[in-house]
Amino acid sequence: MEERFHIKLEAKNPEKGNFRSYAIDAGQDLFGHWDIEVTYGRIGRHGRSVTYSAPDDVAAATIIRHCLKKRSSAPKRIGVPYKIQELCDPKEWAGVSLS
């Protein structure tokens, strides 16, 4: 059975014009390597994507937790926290509190 990780976050602050979206999708390829795609940008727009590759579960979890840790500092950086909109986390990799 293929296990996938998916999380979608949004940060909204109309007073400051902040409408940010951030998503991480991760899944294994045929060789067991993890492909991790991070998409970010303004809500409702196409956004930008960055792709990472990890050889095993430990490396994939490290990349995902690093990305989420950066999002947890959003209140200091952009004045509003990210809130989880969608989450599929069978291996419990999203161990970072966002708010």
Protein backbone atom coordinates (compact mmCIF):
# COMPACT_ATOMS: atom_id res chain seq x y z
CA MET A 1 0.00 0.00 0.00
CA GLU A 2 1.38 3.38 -1.00
CA GLU A 3 1.50 5.95 1.77
CA ARG A 4 1.28 9.61 0.86
CA PHE A 5 1.73 12.78 2.87
CA HIS A 6 -0.29 15.90 2.09
CA ILE A 7 -0.79 19.14 3.97
CA LYS A 8 -2.35 22.40 2.82
CA LEU A 9 -1.91 25.58 4.88
CA GLU A 10 -3.34 29.06 4.51
CA ALA A 11 -2.54 32.39 6.17
CA LYS A 12 -5.11 35.16 5.77
CA ASN A 13 -4.96 38.73 7.02
CA PRO A 14 -7.12 41.04 4.89
CA GLU A 15 -6.00 44.17 6.78
CA LYS A 16 -2.39 43.59 5.69
CA GLY A 17 -3.21 42.02 2.32
CA ASN A 18 -1.78 38.63 3.30
CA PHE A 19 -3.47 35.72 1.53
CA ARG A 20 -0.82 32.99 1.47
CA SER A 21 -1.10 29.33 0.54
CA TYR A 22 1.44 26.59 1.24
CA ALA A 23 1.15 22.90 0.37
CA ILE A 24 3.40 19.86 0.69
CA ASP A 25 2.73 16.64 -1.22
CA ALA A 26 4.98 13.61 -0.76
CA GLY A 27 4.85 10.12 -2.19
CA GLN A 28 7.17 7.26 -3.03
CA ASP A 29 8.32 6.39 -6.54
CA LEU A 30 8.79 2.85 -7.87
CA PHE A 31 12.22 2.58 -6.25
CA GLY A 32 11.05 3.59 -2.77
CA HIS A 33 12.50 7.12 -2.90
CA TRP A 34 10.34 9.97 -1.65
CA ASP A 35 9.42 12.83 -3.99
CA ILE A 36 8.37 15.92 -2.03
CA GLU A 37 6.71 18.83 -3.83
CA VAL A 38 6.32 22.14 -2.00
CA THR A 39 3.95 24.67 -3.59
CA TYR A 40 3.51 28.20 -2.26
CA GLY A 41 2.15 31.58 -3.24
CA ARG A 42 -0.93 33.76 -3.05
CA ILE A 43 -4.26 32.01 -2.49
CA GLY A 44 -6.07 31.55 -5.81
CA ARG A 45 -2.92 31.86 -7.91
CA HIS A 46 -0.78 29.17 -9.55
CA GLY A 47 2.16 29.71 -7.20
CA ARG A 48 5.68 28.33 -7.33
CA SER A 49 6.89 24.80 -6.74
CA VAL A 50 10.07 23.26 -5.41
CA THR A 51 10.73 19.52 -5.54
CA TYR A 52 12.95 17.56 -3.16
CA SER A 53 13.99 13.92 -3.23
CA ALA A 54 14.69 11.76 -0.19
CA PRO A 55 16.11 8.23 -0.15
CA ASP A 56 14.10 7.01 2.86
CA ASP A 57 11.38 7.84 5.40
CA VAL A 58 13.77 9.51 7.85
CA ALA A 59 15.12 11.94 5.25
CA ALA A 60 11.62 12.69 3.93
CA ALA A 61 10.33 13.41 7.44
CA THR A 62 13.30 15.72 8.07
CA ILE A 63 12.56 17.76 4.92
CA ILE A 64 8.86 18.01 5.72
CA ARG A 65 9.44 19.03 9.34
CA HIS A 66 11.98 21.66 8.25
CA CYS A 67 9.45 23.17 5.84
CA LEU A 68 6.70 23.19 8.48
CA LYS A 69 8.99 24.71 11.10
CA LYS A 70 9.56 27.70 8.81
CA ARG A 71 5.78 28.12 8.45
CA SER A 72 5.39 28.10 12.25
CA SER A 73 7.36 31.38 12.38
CA ALA A 74 4.81 33.15 10.15
CA PRO A 75 3.30 35.32 12.93
CA LYS A 76 6.69 36.99 13.43
CA ARG A 77 7.40 37.27 9.70
CA ILE A 78 4.04 38.16 8.12
CA GLY A 79 1.87 38.91 11.15
CA VAL A 80 -0.58 36.02 10.83
CA PRO A 81 -0.26 32.26 11.49
CA TYR A 82 -0.82 29.51 8.93
CA LYS A 83 -3.83 27.29 9.60
CA ILE A 84 -4.17 23.70 8.43
CA GLN A 85 -6.84 23.33 5.73
CA GLU A 86 -6.13 19.71 4.71
CA LEU A 87 -3.97 17.01 6.26
CA CYS A 88 -3.19 13.41 5.32
CA ASP A 89 -0.36 12.26 7.59
CA PRO A 90 -0.29 8.47 8.02
CA LYS A 91 3.26 8.47 9.46
CA GLU A 92 2.66 11.48 11.75
CA TRP A 93 5.42 13.60 10.20
CA ALA A 94 3.71 16.95 10.82
CA GLY A 95 4.97 17.14 14.39
CA VAL A 96 5.26 20.95 14.39
CA SER A 97 2.57 23.12 15.96
CA LEU A 98 1.68 25.92 13.56
CA SER A 99 -0.29 28.21 15.83
